[in-house]
Amino acid sequence: LFLIGLGWSFGLVASSALIASEFDGPEKVRIQGLADLSMTASGGLAGLGSGLVVTVTDYQTLSHYSGILGFYPIMTVVFFFLIEKKRRNSLRDVSR
């Protein structure tokens, strides 16, 4: 659990730094606040939703559907990564 927490912290700091580097001035503060609010609200909603699922069903159902739900964002990232890689390769082939 320690390593999961450490990885979470590194990811949070890195993503905040990435967001901060993309914007300037007052817009930077607004976007960072919006990102923090979105993350906190998502965590709160996930906590409420998981509590509801456990109340109505059981932990096994929560675990099962959490795994399925977690699979989709991972596959979306992989999908867009592969599309971007294919696009870069086609641009490189055209420039030769």
N, C-alpha and C. Protein backbone atom coordinates (compact mmCIF):
# COMPACT_ATOMS: atom_id res chain seq x y z
N LEU A 1 0.82 -1.20 0.00
CA LEU A 1 0.00 0.00 0.00
C LEU A 1 0.86 1.26 0.00
N PHE A 2 2.01 1.17 0.65
CA PHE A 2 2.90 2.32 0.66
C PHE A 2 3.32 2.70 -0.75
N LEU A 3 3.68 1.71 -1.55
CA LEU A 3 4.12 1.99 -2.92
C LEU A 3 2.98 2.52 -3.78
N ILE A 4 1.78 2.05 -3.55
CA ILE A 4 0.63 2.58 -4.28
C ILE A 4 0.43 4.05 -3.94
N GLY A 5 0.51 4.38 -2.65
CA GLY A 5 0.38 5.77 -2.22
C GLY A 5 1.49 6.64 -2.76
N LEU A 6 2.70 6.11 -2.78
CA LEU A 6 3.84 6.86 -3.32
C LEU A 6 3.65 7.11 -4.81
N GLY A 7 3.23 6.10 -5.54
CA GLY A 7 2.96 6.26 -6.97
C GLY A 7 1.84 7.26 -7.22
N TRP A 8 0.81 7.20 -6.40
CA TRP A 8 -0.31 8.15 -6.52
C TRP A 8 0.20 9.58 -6.31
N SER A 9 1.02 9.77 -5.29
CA SER A 9 1.56 11.10 -5.00
C SER A 9 2.43 11.61 -6.14
N PHE A 10 3.30 10.76 -6.66
CA PHE A 10 4.14 11.16 -7.79
C PHE A 10 3.29 11.53 -8.99
N GLY A 11 2.28 10.74 -9.27
CA GLY A 11 1.39 11.04 -10.40
C GLY A 11 0.64 12.34 -10.21
N LEU A 12 0.19 12.59 -9.00
CA LEU A 12 -0.55 13.82 -8.71
C LEU A 12 0.34 15.05 -8.86
N VAL A 13 1.55 14.99 -8.32
CA VAL A 13 2.47 16.12 -8.42
C VAL A 13 2.88 16.34 -9.87
N ALA A 14 3.17 15.26 -10.59
CA ALA A 14 3.58 15.40 -12.00
C ALA A 14 2.46 15.96 -12.85
N SER A 15 1.24 15.50 -12.64
CA SER A 15 0.13 16.02 -13.45
C SER A 15 -0.16 17.47 -13.11
N SER A 16 -0.04 17.86 -11.86
CA SER A 16 -0.23 19.26 -11.48
C SER A 16 0.84 20.14 -12.12
N ALA A 17 2.08 19.67 -12.12
CA ALA A 17 3.16 20.42 -12.74
C ALA A 17 2.96 20.53 -14.25
N LEU A 18 2.48 19.47 -14.87
CA LEU A 18 2.22 19.48 -16.31
C LEU A 18 1.12 20.48 -16.65
N ILE A 19 0.05 20.47 -15.87
CA ILE A 19 -1.04 21.43 -16.10
C ILE A 19 -0.53 22.85 -15.90
N ALA A 20 0.24 23.07 -14.85
CA ALA A 20 0.76 24.41 -14.56
C ALA A 20 1.69 24.91 -15.65
N SER A 21 2.42 24.02 -16.28
CA SER A 21 3.37 24.44 -17.31
C SER A 21 2.69 24.82 -18.63
N GLU A 22 1.45 24.40 -18.82
CA GLU A 22 0.75 24.66 -20.07
C GLU A 22 0.00 25.98 -20.11
N PHE A 23 -0.20 26.61 -18.96
CA PHE A 23 -0.99 27.84 -18.90
C PHE A 23 -0.20 28.93 -18.20
N ASP A 24 -0.60 30.18 -18.46
CA ASP A 24 0.07 31.33 -17.86
C ASP A 24 -0.93 32.20 -17.12
N GLY A 25 -0.41 32.96 -16.16
CA GLY A 25 -1.19 33.99 -15.47
C GLY A 25 -2.40 33.47 -14.74
N PRO A 26 -3.46 34.29 -14.73
CA PRO A 26 -4.67 33.93 -13.98
C PRO A 26 -5.34 32.65 -14.51
N GLU A 27 -5.18 32.39 -15.80
CA GLU A 27 -5.77 31.19 -16.37
C GLU A 27 -5.15 29.93 -15.75
N LYS A 28 -3.86 30.01 -15.44
CA LYS A 28 -3.14 28.89 -14.83
C LYS A 28 -3.78 28.50 -13.49
N VAL A 29 -4.07 29.50 -12.66
CA VAL A 29 -4.67 29.25 -11.35
C VAL A 29 -6.08 28.68 -11.50
N ARG A 30 -6.84 29.23 -12.43
CA ARG A 30 -8.21 28.77 -12.65
C ARG A 30 -8.23 27.32 -13.13
N ILE A 31 -7.37 26.99 -14.07
CA ILE A 31 -7.32 25.63 -14.61
C ILE A 31 -6.85 24.64 -13.55
N GLN A 32 -5.84 25.04 -12.77
CA GLN A 32 -5.36 24.15 -11.72
C GLN A 32 -6.44 23.91 -10.67
N GLY A 33 -7.16 24.96 -10.31
CA GLY A 33 -8.26 24.81 -9.36
C GLY A 33 -9.36 23.91 -9.90
N LEU A 34 -9.67 24.07 -11.18
CA LEU A 34 -10.68 23.23 -11.82
C LEU A 34 -10.23 21.76 -11.85
N ALA A 35 -8.96 21.54 -12.13
CA ALA A 35 -8.43 20.17 -12.14
C ALA A 35 -8.50 19.55 -10.75
N ASP A 36 -8.13 20.32 -9.72
CA ASP A 36 -8.20 19.81 -8.35
C ASP A 36 -9.64 19.54 -7.94
N LEU A 37 -10.54 20.44 -8.30
CA LEU A 37 -11.96 20.26 -7.98
C LEU A 37 -12.51 19.01 -8.67
N SER A 38 -12.15 18.83 -9.94
CA SER A 38 -12.62 17.66 -10.69
C SER A 38 -12.13 16.36 -10.05
N MET A 39 -10.85 16.34 -9.66
CA MET A 39 -10.29 15.14 -9.06
C MET A 39 -10.96 14.85 -7.72
N THR A 40 -11.14 15.87 -6.90
CA THR A 40 -11.76 15.68 -5.59
C THR A 40 -13.22 15.26 -5.72
N ALA A 41 -13.95 15.90 -6.62
CA ALA A 41 -15.36 15.55 -6.84
C ALA A 41 -15.48 14.12 -7.37
N SER A 42 -14.59 13.74 -8.28
CA SER A 42 -14.62 12.38 -8.82
C SER A 42 -14.36 11.35 -7.72
N GLY A 43 -13.40 11.64 -6.86
CA GLY A 43 -13.11 10.74 -5.74
C GLY A 43 -14.29 10.63 -4.79
N GLY A 44 -14.93 11.76 -4.52
CA GLY A 44 -16.11 11.75 -3.65
C GLY A 44 -17.26 10.97 -4.24
N LEU A 45 -17.51 11.19 -5.52
CA LEU A 45 -18.59 10.45 -6.20
C LEU A 45 -18.28 8.96 -6.27
N ALA A 46 -17.02 8.62 -6.50
CA ALA A 46 -16.64 7.20 -6.53
C ALA A 46 -16.83 6.56 -5.16
N GLY A 47 -16.49 7.30 -4.10
CA GLY A 47 -16.70 6.78 -2.75
C GLY A 47 -18.17 6.56 -2.44
N LEU A 48 -19.00 7.53 -2.81
CA LEU A 48 -20.44 7.39 -2.59
C LEU A 48 -21.01 6.24 -3.43
N GLY A 49 -20.57 6.16 -4.68
CA GLY A 49 -21.05 5.09 -5.55
C GLY A 49 -20.65 3.72 -5.07
N SER A 50 -19.41 3.59 -4.61
CA SER A 50 -18.97 2.28 -4.12
C SER A 50 -19.70 1.91 -2.84
N GLY A 51 -19.97 2.90 -1.99
CA GLY A 51 -20.76 2.61 -0.78
C GLY A 51 -22.16 2.13 -1.13
N LEU A 52 -22.74 2.75 -2.13
CA LEU A 52 -24.08 2.35 -2.57
C LEU A 52 -24.07 0.93 -3.13
N VAL A 53 -23.06 0.62 -3.95
CA VAL A 53 -22.97 -0.73 -4.53
C VAL A 53 -22.80 -1.78 -3.44
N VAL A 54 -21.94 -1.52 -2.46
CA VAL A 54 -21.72 -2.48 -1.38
C VAL A 54 -22.97 -2.64 -0.52
N THR A 55 -23.71 -1.53 -0.31
CA THR A 55 -24.94 -1.60 0.47
C THR A 55 -25.99 -2.45 -0.23
N VAL A 56 -26.11 -2.28 -1.53
CA VAL A 56 -27.14 -3.00 -2.29
C VAL A 56 -26.70 -4.43 -2.61
N THR A 57 -25.42 -4.64 -2.90
CA THR A 57 -24.95 -5.98 -3.29
C THR A 57 -23.88 -6.44 -2.30
N ASP A 58 -22.64 -6.62 -2.78
CA ASP A 58 -21.55 -7.05 -1.92
C ASP A 58 -20.21 -6.59 -2.49
N TYR A 59 -19.12 -6.88 -1.76
CA TYR A 59 -17.80 -6.45 -2.19
C TYR A 59 -17.36 -7.14 -3.48
N GLN A 60 -17.78 -8.37 -3.67
CA GLN A 60 -17.40 -9.09 -4.89
C GLN A 60 -17.94 -8.38 -6.13
N THR A 61 -19.17 -7.93 -6.06
CA THR A 61 -19.76 -7.20 -7.18
C THR A 61 -19.03 -5.88 -7.41
N LEU A 62 -18.72 -5.19 -6.31
CA LEU A 62 -17.96 -3.94 -6.42
C LEU A 62 -16.61 -4.18 -7.08
N SER A 63 -15.92 -5.21 -6.64
CA SER A 63 -14.61 -5.54 -7.20
C SER A 63 -14.72 -5.90 -8.68
N HIS A 64 -15.70 -6.69 -9.02
CA HIS A 64 -15.88 -7.12 -10.41
C HIS A 64 -16.11 -5.93 -11.33
N TYR A 65 -17.08 -5.09 -10.97
CA TYR A 65 -17.41 -3.97 -11.84
C TYR A 65 -16.36 -2.87 -11.81
N SER A 66 -15.64 -2.74 -10.70
CA SER A 66 -14.54 -1.77 -10.65
C SER A 66 -13.43 -2.18 -11.61
N GLY A 67 -13.16 -3.47 -11.66
CA GLY A 67 -12.15 -3.96 -12.60
C GLY A 67 -12.55 -3.71 -14.04
N ILE A 68 -13.81 -3.97 -14.34
CA ILE A 68 -14.31 -3.73 -15.70
C ILE A 68 -14.27 -2.24 -16.02
N LEU A 69 -14.73 -1.42 -15.08
CA LEU A 69 -14.75 0.03 -15.29
C LEU A 69 -13.34 0.59 -15.42
N GLY A 70 -12.40 0.06 -14.67
CA GLY A 70 -11.01 0.52 -14.75
C GLY A 70 -10.32 0.10 -16.03
N PHE A 71 -10.83 -0.94 -16.66
CA PHE A 71 -10.24 -1.44 -17.90
C PHE A 71 -10.43 -0.45 -19.06
N TYR A 72 -11.57 0.22 -19.10
CA TYR A 72 -11.88 1.10 -20.23
C TYR A 72 -10.96 2.32 -20.34
N PRO A 73 -10.66 3.03 -19.27
CA PRO A 73 -9.72 4.15 -19.43
C PRO A 73 -8.33 3.69 -19.88
N ILE A 74 -7.90 2.54 -19.38
CA ILE A 74 -6.59 2.02 -19.79
C ILE A 74 -6.60 1.71 -21.28
N MET A 75 -7.64 1.06 -21.75
CA MET A 75 -7.71 0.73 -23.17
C MET A 75 -7.86 1.98 -24.04
N THR A 76 -8.53 3.00 -23.53
CA THR A 76 -8.66 4.26 -24.26
C THR A 76 -7.30 4.91 -24.44
N VAL A 77 -6.50 4.93 -23.38
CA VAL A 77 -5.15 5.50 -23.47
C VAL A 77 -4.31 4.70 -24.45
N VAL A 78 -4.36 3.39 -24.38
CA VAL A 78 -3.61 2.54 -25.31
C VAL A 78 -4.06 2.79 -26.74
N PHE A 79 -5.36 2.89 -26.96
CA PHE A 79 -5.92 3.14 -28.29
C PHE A 79 -5.39 4.45 -28.86
N PHE A 80 -5.47 5.54 -28.08
CA PHE A 80 -5.00 6.83 -28.58
C PHE A 80 -3.48 6.85 -28.76
N PHE A 81 -2.76 6.12 -27.91
CA PHE A 81 -1.32 6.02 -28.08
C PHE A 81 -0.98 5.34 -29.41
N LEU A 82 -1.69 4.27 -29.72
CA LEU A 82 -1.43 3.56 -30.98
C LEU A 82 -1.81 4.41 -32.19
N ILE A 83 -2.91 5.15 -32.10
CA ILE A 83 -3.30 6.04 -33.19
C ILE A 83 -2.23 7.11 -33.41
N GLU A 84 -1.74 7.70 -32.31
CA GLU A 84 -0.71 8.74 -32.43
C GLU A 84 0.58 8.16 -33.01
N LYS A 85 0.94 6.97 -32.59
CA LYS A 85 2.14 6.32 -33.12
C LYS A 85 1.99 6.06 -34.62
N LYS A 86 0.82 5.60 -35.03
CA LYS A 86 0.58 5.35 -36.46
C LYS A 86 0.63 6.66 -37.24
N ARG A 87 0.05 7.73 -36.68
CA ARG A 87 0.07 9.03 -37.34
C ARG A 87 1.50 9.55 -37.50
N ARG A 88 2.30 9.41 -36.46
CA ARG A 88 3.70 9.87 -36.54
C ARG A 88 4.49 9.06 -37.56
N ASN A 89 4.25 7.76 -37.61
CA ASN A 89 4.94 6.93 -38.59
C ASN A 89 4.54 7.30 -40.01
N SER A 90 3.26 7.61 -40.23
CA SER A 90 2.82 7.99 -41.57
C SER A 90 3.38 9.36 -41.95
N LEU A 91 3.48 10.27 -41.00
CA LEU A 91 4.09 11.58 -41.29
C LEU A 91 5.57 11.44 -41.59
N ARG A 92 6.24 10.54 -40.88
CA ARG A 92 7.65 10.32 -41.12
C ARG A 92 7.87 9.71 -42.50
N ASP A 93 6.99 8.79 -42.90
CA ASP A 93 7.10 8.16 -44.22
C ASP A 93 6.86 9.17 -45.33
N VAL A 94 5.95 10.11 -45.12
CA VAL A 94 5.64 11.13 -46.13
C VAL A 94 6.81 12.09 -46.28
N SER A 95 7.50 12.40 -45.19
CA SER A 95 8.59 13.38 -45.24
C SER A 95 9.86 12.81 -45.85
N ARG A 96 9.92 11.52 -46.06
CA ARG A 96 11.14 10.93 -46.65
C ARG A 96 11.21 11.13 -48.12
